């Protein structure tokens, strides 16, 4: 137990057989100064994979759950439902685009009192080819919109993040598709949680993205993200 907290990692994954073992193994290898592992639980949600994602994740030591309904949000919700009781939850992608060791500063900020810590790609180093132009532009537009509507100093909707279990329970996550990350950030702003951003580095993912790699994925993500922003803004104005 790291600093007397139970820490879990959640990894939504669809067809990530080439990368998932690396991600799980690198998370499992993280130790504190006394040699204790950081993560008590690593849960991979196999979100309708047609390859050996589940087999590779399990071989690397992860707990694997299955969610046939496609969607980033539903994959996260399914993993959360199966997760043992935890104090801190880290969300990280299964494509090896992030560095597992950079979860430690995120966790430390939660231990020091933050409710939600976003790993900001905008503040870190992004290797050439790590983010497509639609990803960069869509992220910039969404961040700009949130800053304008809520006057919140955010720089990224990065999926690599840590949140306390109490904060997660308070914001009552619901989105089942592409609006998951923005829903978490906007709701955290709305209920005045303590939000921090820390720089994280990004490298080109292993394999082809199901979102940015297709026109359909880009359009679906845009609708999900901007639809969620406006829905939460409208709901707040009504109240």
Protein backbone atom coordinates (compact mmCIF):
# COMPACT_ATOMS: atom_id res chain seq x y z
CA UNK A 1 0.00 0.00 0.00
CA UNK A 2 1.69 3.20 -1.25
CA UNK A 3 1.54 5.88 1.45
CA UNK A 4 -1.30 3.89 3.07
CA UNK A 5 -3.46 4.20 -0.06
CA UNK A 6 -4.84 1.41 -2.20
CA UNK A 7 -4.10 2.34 -5.80
CA UNK A 8 -5.64 0.87 -8.92
CA UNK A 9 -4.93 1.39 -12.61
CA UNK A 10 -7.66 1.14 -15.21
CA UNK A 11 -6.81 0.48 -18.85
CA UNK A 12 -9.59 0.44 -21.46
CA UNK A 13 -8.33 -1.50 -24.45
CA UNK A 14 -9.58 -2.61 -27.86
CA UNK A 15 -7.30 -4.67 -30.09
CA UNK A 16 -4.08 -3.72 -28.29
CA UNK A 17 -2.35 -7.12 -28.28
CA UNK A 18 0.93 -5.57 -29.45
CA UNK A 19 1.14 -3.05 -26.62
CA UNK A 20 -0.96 -4.10 -23.64
CA UNK A 21 1.66 -6.43 -22.17
CA UNK A 22 4.21 -3.60 -22.16
CA UNK A 23 1.78 -1.20 -20.45
CA UNK A 24 0.76 -3.69 -17.74
CA UNK A 25 4.33 -4.87 -17.12
CA UNK A 26 5.66 -1.32 -16.78
CA UNK A 27 2.92 -0.41 -14.31
CA UNK A 28 3.55 -3.58 -12.28
CA UNK A 29 7.28 -2.83 -12.16
CA UNK A 30 6.81 0.51 -10.40
CA UNK A 31 8.04 0.44 -6.78
CA UNK A 32 8.29 2.93 -3.96
CA UNK A 33 11.53 3.62 -2.06
CA UNK A 34 11.03 0.59 0.16
CA UNK A 35 10.48 -1.76 -2.76
CA UNK A 36 6.71 -2.12 -2.49
CA UNK A 37 4.74 -2.11 -5.71
CA UNK A 38 2.77 1.06 -6.40
CA UNK A 39 -0.32 -0.50 -7.96
CA UNK A 40 -2.40 -2.87 -5.89
CA UNK A 41 -4.72 -3.61 -8.83
CA UNK A 42 -4.38 -3.29 -12.59
CA UNK A 43 -7.67 -3.79 -14.44
CA UNK A 44 -7.81 -4.07 -18.20
CA UNK A 45 -11.23 -3.81 -19.81
CA UNK A 46 -11.19 -5.69 -23.10
CA UNK A 47 -13.63 -3.57 -25.08
CA UNK A 48 -14.75 -5.86 -27.89
CA UNK A 49 -11.28 -6.92 -29.04
CA UNK A 50 -10.94 -9.37 -31.91
CA UNK A 51 -7.30 -10.16 -31.13
CA UNK A 52 -5.35 -11.51 -28.12
CA UNK A 53 -5.56 -8.35 -25.98
CA UNK A 54 -7.17 -10.19 -23.04
CA UNK A 55 -4.71 -13.09 -23.19
CA UNK A 56 -1.68 -10.77 -23.29
CA UNK A 57 -3.01 -8.57 -20.48
CA UNK A 58 -3.68 -11.56 -18.26
CA UNK A 59 -0.24 -13.02 -19.00
CA UNK A 60 1.32 -9.72 -17.89
CA UNK A 61 -0.53 -9.93 -14.55
CA UNK A 62 -3.60 -7.77 -15.05
CA UNK A 63 -7.15 -8.52 -13.99
CA UNK A 64 -9.20 -8.65 -17.19
CA UNK A 65 -12.89 -7.81 -17.56
CA UNK A 66 -14.93 -7.81 -20.75
CA UNK A 67 -17.28 -5.20 -22.18
CA UNK A 68 -18.71 -6.04 -25.62
CA UNK A 69 -20.45 -2.66 -26.04
CA UNK A 70 -17.91 -0.41 -27.73
CA UNK A 71 -17.08 2.89 -26.07
CA UNK A 72 -14.27 4.41 -23.99
CA UNK A 73 -16.67 5.45 -21.24
CA UNK A 74 -18.45 2.11 -20.90
CA UNK A 75 -15.08 0.35 -20.80
CA UNK A 76 -13.98 2.58 -17.91
CA UNK A 77 -17.30 2.11 -16.09
CA UNK A 78 -17.11 -1.68 -16.48
CA UNK A 79 -13.56 -1.74 -15.11
CA UNK A 80 -14.59 0.48 -12.19
CA UNK A 81 -17.48 -1.84 -11.36
CA UNK A 82 -15.05 -4.77 -11.12
CA UNK A 83 -12.33 -2.84 -9.28
CA UNK A 84 -11.59 -3.80 -5.66
CA UNK A 85 -12.06 -1.00 -3.15
CA UNK A 86 -9.45 1.66 -3.86
CA UNK A 87 -8.39 5.10 -2.69
CA UNK A 88 -6.78 6.37 -5.89
CA UNK A 89 -7.52 5.41 -9.49
CA UNK A 90 -5.18 6.03 -12.41
CA UNK A 91 -6.54 5.91 -15.96
CA UNK A 92 -4.02 5.16 -18.71
CA UNK A 93 -4.36 4.08 -22.33
CA UNK A 94 -3.36 0.62 -23.47
CA UNK A 95 -1.46 1.74 -26.58
CA UNK A 96 1.89 2.50 -24.87
CA UNK A 97 1.73 6.19 -25.83
CA UNK A 98 2.31 7.25 -22.21
CA UNK A 99 5.16 6.51 -19.81
CA UNK A 100 4.03 4.39 -16.84
CA UNK A 101 6.56 6.00 -14.46
CA UNK A 102 4.91 9.38 -14.97
CA UNK A 103 1.90 8.10 -13.04
CA UNK A 104 3.91 8.55 -9.82
CA UNK A 105 3.77 12.38 -9.74
CA UNK A 106 0.04 12.20 -10.51
CA UNK A 107 -0.49 9.84 -7.57
CA UNK A 108 1.68 11.99 -5.28
CA UNK A 109 -0.50 15.05 -6.01
CA UNK A 110 -3.60 13.09 -4.97
CA UNK A 111 -1.80 12.00 -1.80
CA UNK A 112 -1.07 15.68 -1.09
CA UNK A 113 -4.73 16.65 -1.33
CA UNK A 114 -5.66 17.13 -4.99
CA UNK A 115 -8.92 15.52 -6.12
CA UNK A 116 -8.13 15.16 -9.83
CA UNK A 117 -4.74 15.35 -11.55
CA UNK A 118 -4.58 15.54 -15.33
CA UNK A 119 -1.46 14.41 -17.15
CA UNK A 120 -1.17 17.30 -19.60
CA UNK A 121 0.40 16.54 -22.96
CA UNK A 122 0.40 20.28 -23.66
CA UNK A 123 2.81 20.85 -20.76
CA UNK A 124 5.04 17.86 -21.59
CA UNK A 125 7.02 16.75 -24.62
CA UNK A 126 5.10 15.27 -27.54
CA UNK A 127 7.20 13.24 -29.96
CA UNK A 128 6.61 13.79 -33.68
CA UNK A 129 3.72 11.62 -34.86
CA UNK A 130 2.35 11.01 -31.38
CA UNK A 131 -0.81 13.06 -31.99
CA UNK A 132 -2.61 13.51 -35.29
CA UNK A 133 -3.71 16.94 -36.47
CA UNK A 134 -7.43 16.19 -35.78
CA UNK A 135 -6.48 15.14 -32.23
CA UNK A 136 -4.47 18.31 -31.62
CA UNK A 137 -7.03 20.65 -33.14
CA UNK A 138 -10.03 19.01 -31.45
CA UNK A 139 -8.28 19.03 -28.09
CA UNK A 140 -7.30 22.70 -28.48
CA UNK A 141 -10.86 23.67 -29.44
CA UNK A 142 -12.43 21.77 -26.54
CA UNK A 143 -9.95 23.19 -24.03
CA UNK A 144 -10.54 26.71 -25.34
CA UNK A 145 -14.30 26.25 -25.04
CA UNK A 146 -14.05 25.00 -21.43
CA UNK A 147 -11.78 27.90 -20.51
CA UNK A 148 -14.29 30.33 -22.02
CA UNK A 149 -17.42 28.78 -20.46
CA UNK A 150 -16.02 28.05 -16.99
CA UNK A 151 -12.93 30.30 -16.78
CA UNK A 152 -10.92 27.22 -15.83
CA UNK A 153 -7.16 27.19 -16.50
CA UNK A 154 -6.92 23.82 -18.24
CA UNK A 155 -4.51 22.90 -21.05
CA UNK A 156 -5.46 19.35 -22.06
CA UNK A 157 -8.16 16.67 -21.99
CA UNK A 158 -5.46 14.05 -21.53
CA UNK A 159 -6.74 10.53 -20.79
CA UNK A 160 -3.71 9.83 -18.53
CA UNK A 161 -4.98 11.00 -15.14
CA UNK A 162 -5.42 10.18 -11.46
CA UNK A 163 -8.45 10.80 -9.30
CA UNK A 164 -9.37 10.04 -5.70
CA UNK A 165 -12.15 7.51 -5.19
CA UNK A 166 -14.12 10.07 -3.16
CA UNK A 167 -13.95 12.61 -5.98
CA UNK A 168 -14.96 10.00 -8.56
CA UNK A 169 -17.96 9.01 -6.48
CA UNK A 170 -18.96 12.64 -6.10
CA UNK A 171 -19.05 13.46 -9.81
CA UNK A 172 -21.10 10.38 -10.78
CA UNK A 173 -19.63 9.57 -14.21
CA UNK A 174 -22.14 8.55 -16.87
CA UNK A 175 -20.78 8.96 -20.39
CA UNK A 176 -20.32 5.65 -22.22
CA UNK A 177 -18.57 6.88 -25.38
CA UNK A 178 -16.05 9.59 -26.22
CA UNK A 179 -17.20 12.24 -23.74
CA UNK A 180 -15.74 10.45 -20.69
CA UNK A 181 -12.58 12.53 -20.19
CA UNK A 182 -14.28 15.89 -20.74
CA UNK A 183 -17.22 14.90 -18.52
CA UNK A 184 -14.81 14.17 -15.67
CA UNK A 185 -13.03 17.50 -16.02
CA UNK A 186 -16.11 19.67 -16.44
CA UNK A 187 -17.98 18.02 -13.57
CA UNK A 188 -14.88 18.42 -11.38
CA UNK A 189 -14.86 22.14 -12.25
CA UNK A 190 -18.60 22.44 -11.58
CA UNK A 191 -18.42 20.95 -8.08
CA UNK A 192 -15.20 22.88 -7.34
CA UNK A 193 -12.87 19.94 -6.84
CA UNK A 194 -9.14 20.62 -6.51
CA UNK A 195 -7.76 20.03 -10.00
CA UNK A 196 -4.07 19.99 -10.88
CA UNK A 197 -2.20 19.51 -14.14
CA UNK A 198 1.25 17.96 -14.47
CA UNK A 199 3.32 17.53 -17.62
CA UNK A 200 3.37 14.08 -19.23
CA UNK A 201 5.28 13.04 -22.33
CA UNK A 202 3.68 11.34 -25.31
CA UNK A 203 5.18 8.98 -27.89
CA UNK A 204 3.64 7.46 -31.04
CA UNK A 205 1.21 4.73 -30.10
CA UNK A 206 1.74 1.09 -31.01
CA UNK A 207 -0.80 0.04 -33.63
CA UNK A 208 -3.55 2.05 -35.32
CA UNK A 209 -5.91 4.24 -33.31
CA UNK A 210 -9.59 3.31 -33.44
CA UNK A 211 -10.47 7.01 -33.03
CA UNK A 212 -7.93 9.26 -34.75
CA UNK A 213 -7.10 6.57 -37.32
CA UNK A 214 -10.53 6.74 -38.99
CA UNK A 215 -12.82 9.52 -40.24
CA UNK A 216 -15.74 7.89 -38.43
CA UNK A 217 -13.73 7.81 -35.20
CA UNK A 218 -12.72 11.47 -35.47
CA UNK A 219 -16.32 12.57 -36.11
CA UNK A 220 -17.66 10.37 -33.30
CA UNK A 221 -15.10 11.72 -30.85
CA UNK A 222 -15.88 15.32 -31.82
CA UNK A 223 -19.62 14.80 -31.37
CA UNK A 224 -19.06 13.08 -28.03
CA UNK A 225 -16.69 15.69 -26.64
CA UNK A 226 -18.50 18.84 -27.76
CA UNK A 227 -21.92 17.33 -27.12
CA UNK A 228 -20.88 16.59 -23.53
CA UNK A 229 -19.54 20.12 -23.00
CA UNK A 230 -22.78 21.73 -24.17
CA UNK A 231 -24.98 19.26 -22.28
CA UNK A 232 -23.20 19.95 -18.98
CA UNK A 233 -23.22 23.72 -19.65
CA UNK A 234 -26.97 23.69 -20.39
CA UNK A 235 -27.72 21.62 -17.31
CA UNK A 236 -25.73 24.03 -15.14
CA UNK A 237 -27.59 27.04 -16.58
CA UNK A 238 -30.96 25.41 -15.89
CA UNK A 239 -29.98 24.87 -12.28
